[in-house]
N, C-alpha and C. Protein backbone atom coordinates (compact mmCIF):
# COMPACT_ATOMS: atom_id res chain seq x y z
N MET A 1 0.85 -1.18 0.00
CA MET A 1 0.00 0.00 0.00
C MET A 1 0.89 1.25 0.00
N VAL A 2 0.68 2.17 -0.91
CA VAL A 2 1.45 3.39 -1.00
C VAL A 2 0.77 4.48 -0.18
N THR A 3 1.55 5.11 0.69
CA THR A 3 1.00 6.20 1.50
C THR A 3 1.97 7.37 1.44
N ASP A 4 1.52 8.50 1.94
CA ASP A 4 2.38 9.67 2.08
C ASP A 4 2.84 9.80 3.52
N ARG A 5 2.89 8.67 4.22
CA ARG A 5 3.32 8.66 5.61
C ARG A 5 4.62 7.87 5.73
N VAL A 6 5.36 8.19 6.79
CA VAL A 6 6.57 7.43 7.10
C VAL A 6 6.48 6.97 8.55
N ALA A 7 7.02 5.80 8.80
CA ALA A 7 6.97 5.22 10.14
C ALA A 7 8.10 5.77 10.99
N LEU A 8 7.77 6.16 12.22
CA LEU A 8 8.77 6.63 13.17
C LEU A 8 9.20 5.53 14.13
N GLY A 9 8.30 4.58 14.39
CA GLY A 9 8.65 3.54 15.34
C GLY A 9 7.59 2.46 15.42
N LYS A 10 7.97 1.37 16.07
CA LYS A 10 7.10 0.21 16.22
C LYS A 10 6.36 0.28 17.55
N ILE A 11 5.08 -0.03 17.52
CA ILE A 11 4.23 0.02 18.71
C ILE A 11 4.49 -1.22 19.57
N GLY A 12 4.82 -0.97 20.82
CA GLY A 12 5.08 -2.05 21.77
C GLY A 12 3.96 -2.17 22.79
N LYS A 13 4.27 -2.80 23.90
CA LYS A 13 3.26 -3.12 24.90
C LYS A 13 2.72 -1.89 25.62
N ALA A 14 1.59 -2.08 26.27
CA ALA A 14 0.93 -1.01 27.03
C ALA A 14 1.83 -0.58 28.19
N HIS A 15 1.65 0.68 28.57
CA HIS A 15 2.40 1.24 29.69
C HIS A 15 1.40 1.94 30.60
N GLY A 16 1.06 1.32 31.71
CA GLY A 16 0.07 1.90 32.61
C GLY A 16 -1.34 1.52 32.20
N VAL A 17 -2.33 2.22 32.80
CA VAL A 17 -3.73 1.86 32.59
C VAL A 17 -4.52 2.88 31.76
N GLN A 18 -3.87 3.95 31.30
CA GLN A 18 -4.59 4.99 30.57
C GLN A 18 -4.39 4.94 29.06
N GLY A 19 -3.88 3.81 28.55
CA GLY A 19 -3.74 3.67 27.10
C GLY A 19 -2.39 4.11 26.55
N ALA A 20 -1.46 4.46 27.42
CA ALA A 20 -0.11 4.78 26.94
C ALA A 20 0.55 3.49 26.46
N PHE A 21 1.49 3.63 25.55
CA PHE A 21 2.19 2.45 25.02
C PHE A 21 3.62 2.82 24.66
N ARG A 22 4.45 1.78 24.61
CA ARG A 22 5.84 1.96 24.23
C ARG A 22 5.95 2.04 22.71
N VAL A 23 6.90 2.86 22.27
CA VAL A 23 7.23 2.95 20.86
C VAL A 23 8.73 2.72 20.75
N TRP A 24 9.12 1.76 19.93
CA TRP A 24 10.53 1.46 19.68
C TRP A 24 10.92 2.19 18.40
N PRO A 25 11.67 3.30 18.53
CA PRO A 25 11.98 4.15 17.37
C PRO A 25 12.81 3.45 16.31
N TYR A 26 12.55 3.81 15.07
CA TYR A 26 13.34 3.31 13.95
C TYR A 26 14.59 4.17 13.73
N ALA A 27 14.67 5.32 14.35
CA ALA A 27 15.83 6.20 14.23
C ALA A 27 16.39 6.46 15.62
N ASP A 28 17.54 7.10 15.67
CA ASP A 28 18.19 7.32 16.95
C ASP A 28 17.82 8.63 17.63
N ASP A 29 16.96 9.44 17.04
CA ASP A 29 16.58 10.73 17.60
C ASP A 29 15.26 10.62 18.37
N LEU A 30 15.36 10.24 19.64
CA LEU A 30 14.15 10.10 20.45
C LEU A 30 13.47 11.44 20.70
N GLU A 31 14.24 12.51 20.75
CA GLU A 31 13.68 13.83 21.01
C GLU A 31 12.70 14.25 19.92
N ARG A 32 12.80 13.65 18.75
CA ARG A 32 11.88 13.94 17.65
C ARG A 32 10.43 13.74 18.07
N PHE A 33 10.21 12.77 18.94
CA PHE A 33 8.86 12.45 19.38
C PHE A 33 8.25 13.56 20.24
N ALA A 34 9.07 14.33 20.94
CA ALA A 34 8.57 15.37 21.84
C ALA A 34 7.79 16.46 21.09
N ALA A 35 8.09 16.67 19.82
CA ALA A 35 7.44 17.71 19.04
C ALA A 35 6.17 17.24 18.33
N LEU A 36 5.83 15.97 18.45
CA LEU A 36 4.68 15.44 17.72
C LEU A 36 3.36 15.99 18.26
N LYS A 37 2.48 16.33 17.35
CA LYS A 37 1.12 16.78 17.69
C LYS A 37 0.09 15.77 17.21
N ARG A 38 0.30 15.26 15.98
CA ARG A 38 -0.60 14.27 15.38
C ARG A 38 0.22 13.13 14.81
N VAL A 39 -0.32 11.93 14.93
CA VAL A 39 0.31 10.74 14.35
C VAL A 39 -0.78 9.87 13.74
N THR A 40 -0.36 8.88 13.00
CA THR A 40 -1.27 7.85 12.52
C THR A 40 -0.78 6.53 13.06
N LEU A 41 -1.68 5.77 13.67
CA LEU A 41 -1.36 4.42 14.11
C LEU A 41 -1.72 3.50 12.95
N SER A 42 -0.85 2.56 12.67
CA SER A 42 -1.04 1.70 11.51
C SER A 42 -0.62 0.28 11.85
N ARG A 43 -1.49 -0.66 11.53
CA ARG A 43 -1.17 -2.09 11.65
C ARG A 43 -1.91 -2.81 10.55
N GLY A 44 -1.16 -3.28 9.55
CA GLY A 44 -1.78 -3.90 8.40
C GLY A 44 -2.62 -2.86 7.66
N ALA A 45 -3.85 -3.22 7.35
CA ALA A 45 -4.74 -2.30 6.64
C ALA A 45 -5.45 -1.32 7.58
N ARG A 46 -5.34 -1.56 8.89
CA ARG A 46 -6.02 -0.71 9.87
C ARG A 46 -5.18 0.53 10.18
N THR A 47 -5.80 1.70 10.15
CA THR A 47 -5.13 2.95 10.52
C THR A 47 -6.06 3.79 11.37
N ALA A 48 -5.47 4.66 12.16
CA ALA A 48 -6.26 5.62 12.94
C ALA A 48 -5.43 6.89 13.14
N ALA A 49 -6.01 8.01 12.74
CA ALA A 49 -5.38 9.31 13.01
C ALA A 49 -5.56 9.60 14.49
N ALA A 50 -4.52 10.18 15.10
CA ALA A 50 -4.58 10.41 16.54
C ALA A 50 -3.87 11.69 16.92
N ASN A 51 -4.43 12.37 17.93
CA ASN A 51 -3.75 13.51 18.55
C ASN A 51 -2.84 12.97 19.64
N VAL A 52 -1.65 13.53 19.74
CA VAL A 52 -0.71 13.11 20.77
C VAL A 52 -1.06 13.84 22.07
N LEU A 53 -1.27 13.07 23.13
CA LEU A 53 -1.61 13.64 24.43
C LEU A 53 -0.39 13.81 25.32
N SER A 54 0.55 12.87 25.25
CA SER A 54 1.78 13.00 26.03
C SER A 54 2.88 12.14 25.43
N VAL A 55 4.11 12.58 25.71
CA VAL A 55 5.30 11.87 25.25
C VAL A 55 6.30 11.85 26.40
N GLN A 56 6.81 10.66 26.71
CA GLN A 56 7.88 10.52 27.69
C GLN A 56 9.04 9.81 27.01
N ILE A 57 10.22 10.40 27.11
CA ILE A 57 11.40 9.78 26.56
C ILE A 57 11.98 8.86 27.63
N ALA A 58 12.18 7.60 27.29
CA ALA A 58 12.73 6.63 28.23
C ALA A 58 14.08 6.14 27.69
N ALA A 59 14.60 5.11 28.29
CA ALA A 59 15.91 4.57 27.89
C ALA A 59 15.75 3.69 26.65
N GLY A 60 15.92 4.29 25.47
CA GLY A 60 15.86 3.53 24.23
C GLY A 60 14.48 3.41 23.61
N PHE A 61 13.46 3.92 24.27
CA PHE A 61 12.11 3.89 23.70
C PHE A 61 11.35 5.12 24.16
N VAL A 62 10.14 5.26 23.64
CA VAL A 62 9.28 6.40 23.95
C VAL A 62 7.97 5.85 24.49
N ILE A 63 7.41 6.53 25.47
CA ILE A 63 6.07 6.20 25.97
C ILE A 63 5.13 7.26 25.41
N LEU A 64 4.15 6.81 24.63
CA LEU A 64 3.26 7.71 23.91
C LEU A 64 1.82 7.49 24.35
N ARG A 65 1.09 8.58 24.54
CA ARG A 65 -0.36 8.53 24.77
C ARG A 65 -1.03 9.32 23.68
N THR A 66 -2.10 8.73 23.10
CA THR A 66 -2.87 9.41 22.07
C THR A 66 -4.36 9.32 22.41
N ASP A 67 -5.16 10.10 21.71
CA ASP A 67 -6.60 10.04 21.94
C ASP A 67 -7.26 8.86 21.22
N ALA A 68 -6.47 8.09 20.44
CA ALA A 68 -7.03 6.93 19.74
C ALA A 68 -6.94 5.65 20.56
N VAL A 69 -6.19 5.69 21.64
CA VAL A 69 -6.00 4.51 22.49
C VAL A 69 -6.30 4.92 23.92
N GLN A 70 -7.30 4.27 24.52
CA GLN A 70 -7.75 4.66 25.86
C GLN A 70 -7.37 3.68 26.96
N THR A 71 -7.19 2.42 26.59
CA THR A 71 -6.97 1.38 27.59
C THR A 71 -5.83 0.46 27.17
N PRO A 72 -5.29 -0.33 28.11
CA PRO A 72 -4.28 -1.32 27.72
C PRO A 72 -4.82 -2.32 26.70
N GLU A 73 -6.10 -2.61 26.77
CA GLU A 73 -6.70 -3.53 25.80
C GLU A 73 -6.70 -2.92 24.39
N ASP A 74 -6.90 -1.61 24.30
CA ASP A 74 -6.84 -0.93 23.00
C ASP A 74 -5.44 -1.03 22.38
N VAL A 75 -4.42 -1.04 23.23
CA VAL A 75 -3.04 -1.13 22.73
C VAL A 75 -2.85 -2.44 21.98
N GLN A 76 -3.50 -3.51 22.43
CA GLN A 76 -3.34 -4.82 21.80
C GLN A 76 -3.71 -4.80 20.31
N ILE A 77 -4.67 -3.97 19.95
CA ILE A 77 -5.09 -3.85 18.55
C ILE A 77 -3.94 -3.38 17.67
N TRP A 78 -3.08 -2.52 18.24
CA TRP A 78 -2.01 -1.88 17.48
C TRP A 78 -0.64 -2.52 17.70
N LEU A 79 -0.53 -3.46 18.62
CA LEU A 79 0.74 -4.08 18.98
C LEU A 79 1.47 -4.61 17.74
N GLY A 80 2.71 -4.17 17.57
CA GLY A 80 3.51 -4.58 16.41
C GLY A 80 3.32 -3.69 15.20
N GLY A 81 2.38 -2.76 15.27
CA GLY A 81 2.16 -1.82 14.17
C GLY A 81 3.13 -0.66 14.25
N ASP A 82 2.84 0.39 13.51
CA ASP A 82 3.73 1.54 13.43
C ASP A 82 3.06 2.82 13.88
N VAL A 83 3.87 3.73 14.39
CA VAL A 83 3.47 5.12 14.60
C VAL A 83 4.03 5.87 13.40
N GLU A 84 3.15 6.54 12.67
CA GLU A 84 3.55 7.21 11.44
C GLU A 84 3.24 8.70 11.49
N ILE A 85 3.95 9.44 10.66
CA ILE A 85 3.66 10.86 10.45
C ILE A 85 3.57 11.11 8.96
N GLU A 86 3.03 12.25 8.59
CA GLU A 86 3.00 12.63 7.18
C GLU A 86 4.44 12.84 6.72
N ALA A 87 4.76 12.37 5.52
CA ALA A 87 6.12 12.47 5.00
C ALA A 87 6.62 13.91 5.00
N ALA A 88 5.74 14.86 4.73
CA ALA A 88 6.14 16.27 4.69
C ALA A 88 6.56 16.79 6.06
N GLU A 89 6.20 16.08 7.13
CA GLU A 89 6.52 16.54 8.49
C GLU A 89 7.82 15.97 9.04
N ARG A 90 8.48 15.09 8.30
CA ARG A 90 9.70 14.53 8.87
C ARG A 90 10.81 15.57 8.86
N VAL A 91 11.75 15.37 9.76
CA VAL A 91 12.84 16.32 9.94
C VAL A 91 13.81 16.24 8.78
N ALA A 92 14.49 17.34 8.52
CA ALA A 92 15.52 17.36 7.48
C ALA A 92 16.77 16.70 8.05
N LEU A 93 17.39 15.87 7.25
CA LEU A 93 18.62 15.21 7.66
C LEU A 93 19.83 15.94 7.09
N PRO A 94 20.96 15.85 7.77
CA PRO A 94 22.17 16.44 7.20
C PRO A 94 22.55 15.71 5.90
N GLU A 95 23.32 16.38 5.07
CA GLU A 95 23.75 15.78 3.81
C GLU A 95 24.48 14.46 4.10
N GLY A 96 24.17 13.47 3.30
CA GLY A 96 24.81 12.16 3.47
C GLY A 96 24.09 11.23 4.43
N ARG A 97 22.99 11.69 5.03
CA ARG A 97 22.18 10.84 5.90
C ARG A 97 20.84 10.62 5.21
N TYR A 98 20.27 9.42 5.40
CA TYR A 98 19.05 9.06 4.67
C TYR A 98 18.09 8.32 5.58
N PHE A 99 16.82 8.42 5.27
CA PHE A 99 15.80 7.62 5.94
C PHE A 99 15.79 6.24 5.29
N HIS A 100 15.37 5.25 6.04
CA HIS A 100 15.33 3.88 5.53
C HIS A 100 14.49 3.78 4.26
N ASP A 101 13.35 4.46 4.23
CA ASP A 101 12.49 4.33 3.05
C ASP A 101 13.14 4.93 1.80
N GLN A 102 14.13 5.81 1.97
CA GLN A 102 14.84 6.36 0.82
C GLN A 102 15.87 5.36 0.28
N ILE A 103 16.39 4.51 1.15
CA ILE A 103 17.42 3.54 0.77
C ILE A 103 16.79 2.27 0.18
N LEU A 104 15.67 1.84 0.77
CA LEU A 104 15.03 0.61 0.29
C LEU A 104 14.66 0.74 -1.18
N GLY A 105 15.01 -0.27 -1.96
CA GLY A 105 14.69 -0.28 -3.38
C GLY A 105 15.78 0.30 -4.28
N LEU A 106 16.81 0.92 -3.69
CA LEU A 106 17.88 1.46 -4.54
C LEU A 106 18.56 0.34 -5.31
N THR A 107 18.94 0.63 -6.56
CA THR A 107 19.73 -0.29 -7.36
C THR A 107 21.19 -0.13 -6.94
N VAL A 108 21.85 -1.25 -6.71
CA VAL A 108 23.24 -1.22 -6.27
C VAL A 108 24.13 -1.63 -7.44
N VAL A 109 25.17 -0.82 -7.67
CA VAL A 109 26.14 -1.10 -8.73
C VAL A 109 27.55 -0.90 -8.19
N THR A 110 28.52 -1.48 -8.89
CA THR A 110 29.93 -1.26 -8.56
C THR A 110 30.42 -0.03 -9.31
N PRO A 111 31.61 0.48 -8.98
CA PRO A 111 32.11 1.67 -9.69
C PRO A 111 32.21 1.50 -11.19
N ASP A 112 32.42 0.26 -11.67
CA ASP A 112 32.50 0.04 -13.12
C ASP A 112 31.13 -0.21 -13.75
N GLY A 113 30.05 -0.05 -12.97
CA GLY A 113 28.69 -0.15 -13.49
C GLY A 113 28.08 -1.53 -13.44
N ARG A 114 28.78 -2.52 -12.86
CA ARG A 114 28.23 -3.88 -12.78
C ARG A 114 27.07 -3.90 -11.77
N ALA A 115 25.92 -4.40 -12.22
CA ALA A 115 24.74 -4.48 -11.35
C ALA A 115 24.95 -5.53 -10.27
N VAL A 116 24.60 -5.17 -9.03
CA VAL A 116 24.73 -6.08 -7.89
C VAL A 116 23.35 -6.56 -7.46
N GLY A 117 22.36 -5.69 -7.48
CA GLY A 117 21.01 -6.04 -7.04
C GLY A 117 20.29 -4.81 -6.53
N ALA A 118 19.35 -5.03 -5.63
CA ALA A 118 18.57 -3.92 -5.05
C ALA A 118 18.52 -4.10 -3.54
N ILE A 119 18.45 -2.99 -2.83
CA ILE A 119 18.35 -3.02 -1.37
C ILE A 119 16.92 -3.44 -1.02
N VAL A 120 16.80 -4.56 -0.28
CA VAL A 120 15.48 -5.09 0.07
C VAL A 120 15.19 -5.03 1.56
N GLU A 121 16.23 -4.80 2.35
CA GLU A 121 16.05 -4.77 3.81
C GLU A 121 17.21 -4.00 4.42
N ILE A 122 16.95 -3.41 5.57
CA ILE A 122 18.01 -2.74 6.33
C ILE A 122 18.00 -3.33 7.73
N ILE A 123 19.14 -3.85 8.13
CA ILE A 123 19.28 -4.42 9.47
C ILE A 123 19.95 -3.37 10.34
N ASP A 124 19.29 -3.00 11.44
CA ASP A 124 19.87 -2.04 12.37
C ASP A 124 20.96 -2.72 13.17
N GLY A 125 22.19 -2.34 12.91
CA GLY A 125 23.32 -2.92 13.63
C GLY A 125 23.74 -2.04 14.79
N THR A 126 24.57 -2.58 15.64
CA THR A 126 25.07 -1.82 16.79
C THR A 126 26.00 -0.71 16.34
N ALA A 127 26.99 -1.05 15.52
CA ALA A 127 27.95 -0.06 15.06
C ALA A 127 27.47 0.67 13.81
N ASN A 128 26.78 -0.05 12.93
CA ASN A 128 26.28 0.55 11.69
C ASN A 128 25.16 -0.34 11.14
N ASP A 129 24.37 0.23 10.26
CA ASP A 129 23.33 -0.56 9.60
C ASP A 129 23.97 -1.50 8.58
N ILE A 130 23.23 -2.52 8.21
CA ILE A 130 23.63 -3.45 7.17
C ILE A 130 22.56 -3.41 6.09
N TYR A 131 22.96 -3.14 4.86
CA TYR A 131 22.02 -3.14 3.74
C TYR A 131 21.98 -4.55 3.14
N VAL A 132 20.80 -5.12 3.06
CA VAL A 132 20.63 -6.43 2.44
C VAL A 132 20.28 -6.17 0.98
N CYS A 133 21.18 -6.62 0.11
CA CYS A 133 21.03 -6.42 -1.33
C CYS A 133 20.73 -7.77 -1.96
N ARG A 134 19.70 -7.82 -2.79
CA ARG A 134 19.30 -9.10 -3.40
C ARG A 134 19.24 -8.97 -4.91
N ASP A 135 19.73 -10.04 -5.56
CA ASP A 135 19.65 -10.18 -7.00
C ASP A 135 19.20 -11.60 -7.27
N GLY A 136 17.91 -11.79 -7.48
CA GLY A 136 17.37 -13.14 -7.65
C GLY A 136 17.57 -13.94 -6.38
N ASP A 137 18.26 -15.08 -6.48
CA ASP A 137 18.51 -15.93 -5.32
C ASP A 137 19.74 -15.51 -4.54
N ARG A 138 20.52 -14.62 -5.09
CA ARG A 138 21.75 -14.18 -4.42
C ARG A 138 21.45 -13.02 -3.48
N GLU A 139 22.09 -13.07 -2.32
CA GLU A 139 21.89 -12.02 -1.32
C GLU A 139 23.25 -11.60 -0.77
N PHE A 140 23.42 -10.29 -0.61
CA PHE A 140 24.67 -9.74 -0.13
C PHE A 140 24.40 -8.83 1.07
N MET A 141 25.27 -8.86 2.04
CA MET A 141 25.18 -7.99 3.22
C MET A 141 26.23 -6.91 3.07
N ILE A 142 25.78 -5.67 2.93
CA ILE A 142 26.69 -4.56 2.69
C ILE A 142 26.68 -3.64 3.90
N PRO A 143 27.80 -3.53 4.62
CA PRO A 143 27.85 -2.61 5.75
C PRO A 143 27.63 -1.17 5.28
N ALA A 144 26.82 -0.43 5.99
CA ALA A 144 26.50 0.95 5.61
C ALA A 144 27.56 1.89 6.17
N VAL A 145 28.75 1.78 5.61
CA VAL A 145 29.87 2.63 6.02
C VAL A 145 30.53 3.18 4.76
N ASP A 146 31.20 4.32 4.92
CA ASP A 146 31.81 5.02 3.78
C ASP A 146 32.86 4.19 3.05
N VAL A 147 33.48 3.23 3.73
CA VAL A 147 34.48 2.39 3.08
C VAL A 147 33.86 1.63 1.91
N PHE A 148 32.59 1.23 2.04
CA PHE A 148 31.91 0.47 1.00
C PHE A 148 30.97 1.32 0.16
N ILE A 149 30.23 2.20 0.79
CA ILE A 149 29.23 3.01 0.09
C ILE A 149 29.92 4.25 -0.46
N LYS A 150 30.06 4.31 -1.77
CA LYS A 150 30.77 5.43 -2.39
C LYS A 150 29.84 6.58 -2.75
N SER A 151 28.61 6.27 -3.14
CA SER A 151 27.67 7.35 -3.44
C SER A 151 26.24 6.81 -3.41
N ILE A 152 25.34 7.72 -3.09
CA ILE A 152 23.91 7.43 -3.12
C ILE A 152 23.25 8.56 -3.88
N ASP A 153 22.52 8.23 -4.92
CA ASP A 153 21.83 9.22 -5.73
C ASP A 153 20.34 8.90 -5.70
N LEU A 154 19.60 9.67 -4.92
CA LEU A 154 18.17 9.40 -4.77
C LEU A 154 17.39 9.70 -6.05
N LYS A 155 17.88 10.63 -6.86
CA LYS A 155 17.16 10.96 -8.10
C LYS A 155 17.21 9.80 -9.09
N THR A 156 18.37 9.16 -9.23
CA THR A 156 18.49 8.04 -10.15
C THR A 156 18.23 6.71 -9.45
N ARG A 157 18.03 6.75 -8.12
CA ARG A 157 17.75 5.55 -7.30
C ARG A 157 18.89 4.54 -7.39
N ARG A 158 20.15 5.07 -7.33
CA ARG A 158 21.34 4.22 -7.43
C ARG A 158 22.26 4.41 -6.24
N MET A 159 22.86 3.30 -5.84
CA MET A 159 23.90 3.30 -4.83
C MET A 159 25.13 2.65 -5.45
N VAL A 160 26.26 3.33 -5.37
CA VAL A 160 27.51 2.77 -5.86
C VAL A 160 28.29 2.26 -4.66
N ILE A 161 28.70 0.99 -4.75
CA ILE A 161 29.51 0.40 -3.67
C ILE A 161 30.86 -0.01 -4.23
N ASP A 162 31.85 -0.01 -3.37
CA ASP A 162 33.19 -0.47 -3.73
C ASP A 162 33.47 -1.70 -2.86
N PRO A 163 33.13 -2.87 -3.38
CA PRO A 163 33.24 -4.07 -2.55
C PRO A 163 34.68 -4.53 -2.36
N ILE A 164 34.95 -5.05 -1.17
CA ILE A 164 36.24 -5.67 -0.91
C ILE A 164 36.17 -7.10 -1.44
N PRO A 165 37.30 -7.73 -1.67
CA PRO A 165 37.27 -9.12 -2.13
C PRO A 165 36.46 -9.99 -1.17
N GLY A 166 35.58 -10.80 -1.74
CA GLY A 166 34.76 -11.70 -0.94
C GLY A 166 33.38 -11.17 -0.59
N LEU A 167 33.18 -9.86 -0.68
CA LEU A 167 31.88 -9.31 -0.29
C LEU A 167 30.77 -9.77 -1.22
N LEU A 168 31.07 -9.91 -2.49
CA LEU A 168 30.04 -10.29 -3.47
C LEU A 168 30.17 -11.73 -3.95
N ASP A 169 31.02 -12.52 -3.27
CA ASP A 169 31.21 -13.92 -3.66
C ASP A 169 30.23 -14.81 -2.93
């Protein structure tokens, strides 16, 4: 389903008895949540627009209360879903930084133009993300570091990588 929304985090278990719930952010900027006024809760085909009532920043996650969720039982409906915002409302990133949805689907090539595949998944790593690149049955794990990623062009939807020996074998 194509939307004009982007996911900020995954909805976790209920927190307290007033419908607050944990959100596990997809990015490292937890303070981003403090400025939220409206969000969309999404799980599968189900969505609900919601006003943000409160935000608490915790250790590695956010506790969010909205007017769309009133009880811990209501949280169960959304468990595992996403908290989304309108794409136009997301923060600007510094040059050279990208949102996951901008990277997913990029065509990956080597500096000499050899096609490697397309980015199909991003694994959040401790030190850095890992881009999962697939070409048919072949799959490659590309560390998201400058040593390997030479350029990303969102207009042409291309990523140029400089693989070390063995990375594409």
